[in-house]
Amino acid sequence: MHRTLLAAKIHSCTITDANLQYMGSISIDELLLTAVGIVPYEQVQVVNINNGERFITYAIAAASGSGSIELNGAAARLGVKGDKLIIMTYAQFDDLEAQNYRPRVVLVDDLNHVTEVKSYIPTGLG
């Protein structure tokens, strides 16, 4: 059996812009992508803390060190500048892999600069 577990999470980042005319996706500061281990064009789930909206799109790299978190295309209708987001990816693991897997979580400040990188040990497995 395979389980789908959290792989990476950027917690409580702030939307810096929304561009309805762009052809989709979410732009994320390249430093954040690297810190959390998300690669460009990887599928991400986005949760808007302010309004409860949830959607799936793909990540693209914004300028490194810019602090940019931009909703693009149709996703631009699901949040406004200043809203807080949680951005997550998931991965498949067999039971043995799942017992030792630790997702990477990046915490950021109000300018979307990394303040802490954490790895969590799953509980209740095995």
N, C-alpha and C. Protein backbone atom coordinates (compact mmCIF):
# COMPACT_ATOMS: atom_id res chain seq x y z
N MET A 1 0.84 -1.17 0.00
CA MET A 1 0.00 0.00 0.00
C MET A 1 0.89 1.24 0.00
N HIS A 2 0.43 2.27 -0.67
CA HIS A 2 1.11 3.56 -0.66
C HIS A 2 0.23 4.58 0.06
N ARG A 3 0.91 5.49 0.73
CA ARG A 3 0.22 6.57 1.43
C ARG A 3 0.68 7.90 0.83
N THR A 4 -0.23 8.84 0.79
CA THR A 4 0.10 10.18 0.33
C THR A 4 0.34 11.06 1.55
N LEU A 5 1.57 11.55 1.67
CA LEU A 5 1.96 12.35 2.83
C LEU A 5 2.37 13.75 2.40
N LEU A 6 2.28 14.67 3.32
CA LEU A 6 2.78 16.01 3.10
C LEU A 6 4.27 15.91 2.79
N ALA A 7 4.70 16.55 1.71
CA ALA A 7 6.12 16.57 1.37
C ALA A 7 6.77 17.89 1.74
N ALA A 8 6.06 18.99 1.46
CA ALA A 8 6.63 20.32 1.71
C ALA A 8 5.51 21.29 2.00
N LYS A 9 5.84 22.29 2.85
CA LYS A 9 4.83 23.30 3.17
C LYS A 9 5.51 24.64 3.43
N ILE A 10 4.98 25.67 2.78
CA ILE A 10 5.34 27.05 3.11
C ILE A 10 4.16 27.58 3.91
N HIS A 11 4.41 27.92 5.17
CA HIS A 11 3.31 28.25 6.07
C HIS A 11 3.17 29.76 6.28
N SER A 12 1.98 30.25 6.06
CA SER A 12 1.58 31.62 6.36
C SER A 12 2.36 32.67 5.58
N CYS A 13 2.56 32.39 4.29
CA CYS A 13 3.17 33.40 3.42
C CYS A 13 2.08 34.40 2.99
N THR A 14 2.52 35.54 2.48
CA THR A 14 1.62 36.64 2.17
C THR A 14 1.56 36.88 0.66
N ILE A 15 0.35 36.97 0.12
CA ILE A 15 0.20 37.30 -1.30
C ILE A 15 0.73 38.71 -1.53
N THR A 16 1.63 38.83 -2.52
CA THR A 16 2.20 40.14 -2.84
C THR A 16 1.56 40.75 -4.09
N ASP A 17 0.90 39.91 -4.91
CA ASP A 17 0.27 40.42 -6.13
C ASP A 17 -0.65 39.35 -6.69
N ALA A 18 -1.55 39.77 -7.57
CA ALA A 18 -2.44 38.85 -8.29
C ALA A 18 -2.55 39.37 -9.72
N ASN A 19 -2.36 38.48 -10.69
CA ASN A 19 -2.33 38.87 -12.09
C ASN A 19 -3.29 37.98 -12.88
N LEU A 20 -4.50 38.46 -13.08
CA LEU A 20 -5.53 37.70 -13.78
C LEU A 20 -5.14 37.36 -15.21
N GLN A 21 -4.37 38.21 -15.87
CA GLN A 21 -4.04 38.02 -17.29
C GLN A 21 -2.92 37.02 -17.53
N TYR A 22 -2.17 36.62 -16.49
CA TYR A 22 -1.11 35.64 -16.65
C TYR A 22 -1.73 34.27 -16.90
N MET A 23 -1.04 33.38 -17.58
CA MET A 23 -1.63 32.10 -17.99
C MET A 23 -1.62 31.03 -16.90
N GLY A 24 -1.86 31.39 -15.68
CA GLY A 24 -2.03 30.40 -14.63
C GLY A 24 -0.80 30.19 -13.77
N SER A 25 -0.98 29.56 -12.64
CA SER A 25 0.06 29.14 -11.70
C SER A 25 0.18 30.10 -10.52
N ILE A 26 1.16 29.82 -9.69
CA ILE A 26 1.51 30.70 -8.57
C ILE A 26 3.01 30.94 -8.66
N SER A 27 3.40 32.21 -8.63
CA SER A 27 4.82 32.57 -8.63
C SER A 27 5.28 32.62 -7.17
N ILE A 28 6.40 31.95 -6.89
CA ILE A 28 6.94 31.87 -5.54
C ILE A 28 8.42 32.22 -5.59
N ASP A 29 8.85 33.09 -4.70
CA ASP A 29 10.26 33.47 -4.58
C ASP A 29 11.13 32.21 -4.68
N GLU A 30 12.11 32.24 -5.56
CA GLU A 30 12.97 31.08 -5.80
C GLU A 30 13.69 30.62 -4.53
N LEU A 31 14.03 31.54 -3.63
CA LEU A 31 14.66 31.15 -2.37
C LEU A 31 13.72 30.30 -1.52
N LEU A 32 12.43 30.62 -1.53
CA LEU A 32 11.45 29.81 -0.79
C LEU A 32 11.31 28.43 -1.41
N LEU A 33 11.25 28.38 -2.74
CA LEU A 33 11.15 27.09 -3.42
C LEU A 33 12.32 26.19 -3.03
N THR A 34 13.52 26.76 -3.06
CA THR A 34 14.72 25.98 -2.73
C THR A 34 14.70 25.55 -1.27
N ALA A 35 14.34 26.45 -0.37
CA ALA A 35 14.33 26.15 1.06
C ALA A 35 13.39 25.00 1.40
N VAL A 36 12.25 24.95 0.72
CA VAL A 36 11.25 23.93 1.04
C VAL A 36 11.37 22.69 0.15
N GLY A 37 12.08 22.81 -0.98
CA GLY A 37 12.26 21.66 -1.86
C GLY A 37 11.19 21.49 -2.92
N ILE A 38 10.51 22.56 -3.28
CA ILE A 38 9.54 22.54 -4.37
C ILE A 38 10.27 22.93 -5.65
N VAL A 39 10.04 22.19 -6.73
CA VAL A 39 10.69 22.50 -8.00
C VAL A 39 9.71 23.23 -8.91
N PRO A 40 10.23 24.08 -9.81
CA PRO A 40 9.34 24.76 -10.76
C PRO A 40 8.48 23.75 -11.52
N TYR A 41 7.23 24.10 -11.69
CA TYR A 41 6.20 23.34 -12.39
C TYR A 41 5.66 22.16 -11.58
N GLU A 42 6.09 22.04 -10.31
CA GLU A 42 5.54 21.00 -9.44
C GLU A 42 4.13 21.41 -9.02
N GLN A 43 3.25 20.42 -8.94
CA GLN A 43 1.88 20.66 -8.48
C GLN A 43 1.90 21.09 -7.02
N VAL A 44 1.12 22.11 -6.70
CA VAL A 44 0.98 22.58 -5.33
C VAL A 44 -0.49 22.75 -4.99
N GLN A 45 -0.80 22.51 -3.73
CA GLN A 45 -2.12 22.84 -3.21
C GLN A 45 -1.97 24.14 -2.43
N VAL A 46 -2.86 25.08 -2.67
CA VAL A 46 -2.80 26.38 -2.02
C VAL A 46 -4.07 26.57 -1.19
N VAL A 47 -3.88 26.97 0.06
CA VAL A 47 -4.99 27.24 0.96
C VAL A 47 -4.90 28.69 1.39
N ASN A 48 -5.97 29.44 1.16
CA ASN A 48 -6.02 30.84 1.57
C ASN A 48 -6.58 30.89 2.99
N ILE A 49 -5.76 31.30 3.94
CA ILE A 49 -6.16 31.34 5.34
C ILE A 49 -7.26 32.38 5.56
N ASN A 50 -7.23 33.47 4.80
CA ASN A 50 -8.20 34.55 5.00
C ASN A 50 -9.61 34.20 4.56
N ASN A 51 -9.75 33.50 3.43
CA ASN A 51 -11.11 33.26 2.91
C ASN A 51 -11.48 31.78 2.77
N GLY A 52 -10.55 30.88 3.09
CA GLY A 52 -10.85 29.46 3.06
C GLY A 52 -10.76 28.81 1.68
N GLU A 53 -10.46 29.57 0.64
CA GLU A 53 -10.33 29.00 -0.70
C GLU A 53 -9.19 27.99 -0.74
N ARG A 54 -9.40 26.90 -1.48
CA ARG A 54 -8.38 25.88 -1.70
C ARG A 54 -8.33 25.61 -3.19
N PHE A 55 -7.12 25.51 -3.73
CA PHE A 55 -7.00 25.20 -5.15
C PHE A 55 -5.67 24.52 -5.43
N ILE A 56 -5.60 23.87 -6.57
CA ILE A 56 -4.38 23.20 -7.02
C ILE A 56 -3.91 23.89 -8.28
N THR A 57 -2.61 24.16 -8.34
CA THR A 57 -1.99 24.75 -9.52
C THR A 57 -0.55 24.24 -9.57
N TYR A 58 0.32 24.96 -10.25
CA TYR A 58 1.73 24.59 -10.27
C TYR A 58 2.57 25.81 -9.93
N ALA A 59 3.74 25.54 -9.37
CA ALA A 59 4.64 26.60 -8.92
C ALA A 59 5.56 27.04 -10.05
N ILE A 60 5.80 28.35 -10.12
CA ILE A 60 6.86 28.87 -10.98
C ILE A 60 7.74 29.77 -10.13
N ALA A 61 9.00 29.87 -10.50
CA ALA A 61 9.96 30.65 -9.71
C ALA A 61 9.82 32.14 -10.00
N ALA A 62 9.71 32.90 -8.91
CA ALA A 62 9.79 34.36 -8.98
C ALA A 62 11.23 34.74 -8.64
N ALA A 63 11.59 35.98 -8.84
CA ALA A 63 12.95 36.45 -8.60
C ALA A 63 13.43 36.05 -7.21
N SER A 64 14.64 35.53 -7.17
CA SER A 64 15.25 35.07 -5.93
C SER A 64 15.44 36.24 -4.95
N GLY A 65 14.93 36.06 -3.72
CA GLY A 65 15.05 37.09 -2.70
C GLY A 65 14.00 38.18 -2.76
N SER A 66 13.08 38.07 -3.72
CA SER A 66 12.06 39.11 -3.91
C SER A 66 10.93 39.07 -2.88
N GLY A 67 10.73 37.90 -2.27
CA GLY A 67 9.60 37.72 -1.37
C GLY A 67 8.27 37.58 -2.10
N SER A 68 8.32 37.46 -3.42
CA SER A 68 7.09 37.41 -4.22
C SER A 68 6.30 36.12 -4.02
N ILE A 69 5.01 36.28 -3.82
CA ILE A 69 4.02 35.22 -3.85
C ILE A 69 2.87 35.80 -4.67
N GLU A 70 2.74 35.38 -5.92
CA GLU A 70 1.77 35.99 -6.82
C GLU A 70 0.80 34.95 -7.37
N LEU A 71 -0.49 35.22 -7.23
CA LEU A 71 -1.51 34.38 -7.83
C LEU A 71 -1.69 34.81 -9.27
N ASN A 72 -1.70 33.84 -10.17
CA ASN A 72 -1.77 34.14 -11.59
C ASN A 72 -2.96 33.44 -12.24
N GLY A 73 -3.46 34.03 -13.33
CA GLY A 73 -4.57 33.44 -14.07
C GLY A 73 -5.82 33.37 -13.21
N ALA A 74 -6.60 32.31 -13.37
CA ALA A 74 -7.85 32.16 -12.64
C ALA A 74 -7.64 32.19 -11.12
N ALA A 75 -6.50 31.71 -10.66
CA ALA A 75 -6.21 31.71 -9.22
C ALA A 75 -6.19 33.13 -8.65
N ALA A 76 -5.96 34.12 -9.49
CA ALA A 76 -5.93 35.52 -9.03
C ALA A 76 -7.28 35.94 -8.46
N ARG A 77 -8.34 35.21 -8.76
CA ARG A 77 -9.67 35.51 -8.22
C ARG A 77 -9.87 34.92 -6.82
N LEU A 78 -8.89 34.12 -6.35
CA LEU A 78 -9.07 33.38 -5.11
C LEU A 78 -8.34 33.99 -3.92
N GLY A 79 -7.76 35.17 -4.13
CA GLY A 79 -7.08 35.85 -3.04
C GLY A 79 -6.68 37.25 -3.46
N VAL A 80 -6.40 38.07 -2.48
CA VAL A 80 -5.99 39.45 -2.74
C VAL A 80 -4.67 39.73 -2.02
N LYS A 81 -4.00 40.76 -2.48
CA LYS A 81 -2.75 41.18 -1.87
C LYS A 81 -2.95 41.33 -0.36
N GLY A 82 -2.04 40.71 0.40
CA GLY A 82 -2.12 40.75 1.85
C GLY A 82 -2.71 39.50 2.48
N ASP A 83 -3.46 38.70 1.71
CA ASP A 83 -3.99 37.44 2.25
C ASP A 83 -2.83 36.51 2.60
N LYS A 84 -3.05 35.69 3.62
CA LYS A 84 -2.08 34.68 4.04
C LYS A 84 -2.41 33.33 3.40
N LEU A 85 -1.37 32.63 2.95
CA LEU A 85 -1.53 31.34 2.29
C LEU A 85 -0.71 30.26 2.98
N ILE A 86 -1.15 29.02 2.77
CA ILE A 86 -0.34 27.84 3.05
C ILE A 86 -0.19 27.15 1.70
N ILE A 87 1.06 26.85 1.31
CA ILE A 87 1.34 26.20 0.04
C ILE A 87 1.96 24.85 0.34
N MET A 88 1.37 23.77 -0.22
CA MET A 88 1.80 22.41 0.13
C MET A 88 2.00 21.53 -1.11
N THR A 89 2.90 20.56 -0.97
CA THR A 89 3.02 19.48 -1.94
C THR A 89 2.90 18.16 -1.18
N TYR A 90 2.63 17.11 -1.92
CA TYR A 90 2.46 15.78 -1.34
C TYR A 90 3.28 14.79 -2.15
N ALA A 91 3.61 13.66 -1.53
CA ALA A 91 4.35 12.60 -2.23
C ALA A 91 3.83 11.25 -1.76
N GLN A 92 4.07 10.22 -2.58
CA GLN A 92 3.63 8.87 -2.29
C GLN A 92 4.76 8.08 -1.61
N PHE A 93 4.41 7.35 -0.55
CA PHE A 93 5.38 6.54 0.18
C PHE A 93 4.76 5.19 0.51
N ASP A 94 5.59 4.14 0.51
CA ASP A 94 5.08 2.87 1.02
C ASP A 94 5.16 2.94 2.55
N ASP A 95 4.60 1.95 3.23
CA ASP A 95 4.52 1.99 4.69
C ASP A 95 5.89 2.11 5.35
N LEU A 96 6.89 1.42 4.82
CA LEU A 96 8.22 1.47 5.40
C LEU A 96 8.84 2.86 5.24
N GLU A 97 8.73 3.42 4.06
CA GLU A 97 9.25 4.78 3.82
C GLU A 97 8.54 5.80 4.70
N ALA A 98 7.23 5.64 4.85
CA ALA A 98 6.42 6.59 5.61
C ALA A 98 6.84 6.66 7.07
N GLN A 99 7.32 5.54 7.61
CA GLN A 99 7.70 5.51 9.03
C GLN A 99 8.85 6.46 9.34
N ASN A 100 9.72 6.70 8.39
CA ASN A 100 10.90 7.52 8.63
C ASN A 100 10.89 8.84 7.88
N TYR A 101 9.81 9.13 7.19
CA TYR A 101 9.77 10.34 6.37
C TYR A 101 9.47 11.57 7.22
N ARG A 102 10.12 12.68 6.89
CA ARG A 102 9.88 13.95 7.57
C ARG A 102 9.62 15.03 6.53
N PRO A 103 8.42 15.59 6.50
CA PRO A 103 8.15 16.68 5.56
C PRO A 103 8.95 17.92 5.96
N ARG A 104 9.23 18.75 4.97
CA ARG A 104 9.95 20.00 5.22
C ARG A 104 8.92 21.13 5.28
N VAL A 105 9.00 21.93 6.33
CA VAL A 105 8.09 23.05 6.53
C VAL A 105 8.92 24.32 6.68
N VAL A 106 8.57 25.32 5.88
CA VAL A 106 9.26 26.61 5.94
C VAL A 106 8.31 27.64 6.53
N LEU A 107 8.78 28.34 7.54
CA LEU A 107 8.04 29.45 8.14
C LEU A 107 8.65 30.73 7.63
N VAL A 108 7.80 31.73 7.39
CA VAL A 108 8.26 32.99 6.82
C VAL A 108 7.77 34.17 7.66
N ASP A 109 8.42 35.32 7.45
CA ASP A 109 7.97 36.55 8.09
C ASP A 109 6.95 37.24 7.18
N ASP A 110 6.55 38.45 7.53
CA ASP A 110 5.53 39.16 6.76
C ASP A 110 6.00 39.59 5.37
N LEU A 111 7.32 39.54 5.13
CA LEU A 111 7.87 39.86 3.80
C LEU A 111 8.22 38.60 3.01
N ASN A 112 7.77 37.45 3.51
CA ASN A 112 8.00 36.14 2.86
C ASN A 112 9.47 35.75 2.82
N HIS A 113 10.22 36.15 3.84
CA HIS A 113 11.59 35.70 3.97
C HIS A 113 11.64 34.58 4.99
N VAL A 114 12.44 33.56 4.72
CA VAL A 114 12.52 32.38 5.59
C VAL A 114 12.96 32.78 6.99
N THR A 115 12.19 32.32 7.98
CA THR A 115 12.57 32.51 9.37
C THR A 115 12.97 31.19 10.02
N GLU A 116 12.43 30.08 9.51
CA GLU A 116 12.74 28.77 10.09
C GLU A 116 12.40 27.67 9.09
N VAL A 117 13.21 26.62 9.10
CA VAL A 117 12.94 25.41 8.32
C VAL A 117 12.85 24.27 9.31
N LYS A 118 11.74 23.54 9.24
CA LYS A 118 11.51 22.44 10.18
C LYS A 118 11.28 21.14 9.42
N SER A 119 11.60 20.03 10.08
CA SER A 119 11.22 18.70 9.61
C SER A 119 10.45 18.03 10.73
N TYR A 120 9.32 17.45 10.41
CA TYR A 120 8.47 16.83 11.40
C TYR A 120 8.53 15.31 11.28
N ILE A 121 8.46 14.65 12.42
CA ILE A 121 8.39 13.19 12.45
C ILE A 121 6.92 12.80 12.51
N PRO A 122 6.44 12.01 11.52
CA PRO A 122 5.04 11.60 11.58
C PRO A 122 4.77 10.72 12.80
N THR A 123 3.57 10.80 13.32
CA THR A 123 3.18 9.98 14.46
C THR A 123 2.06 9.04 14.05
N GLY A 124 1.91 7.97 14.80
CA GLY A 124 0.81 7.05 14.55
C GLY A 124 1.05 6.07 13.42
N LEU A 125 2.27 5.96 12.91
CA LEU A 125 2.58 5.01 11.84
C LEU A 125 3.33 3.83 12.44
N GLY A 126 3.06 2.66 11.88
CA GLY A 126 3.82 1.48 12.30
C GLY A 126 3.21 0.85 13.43
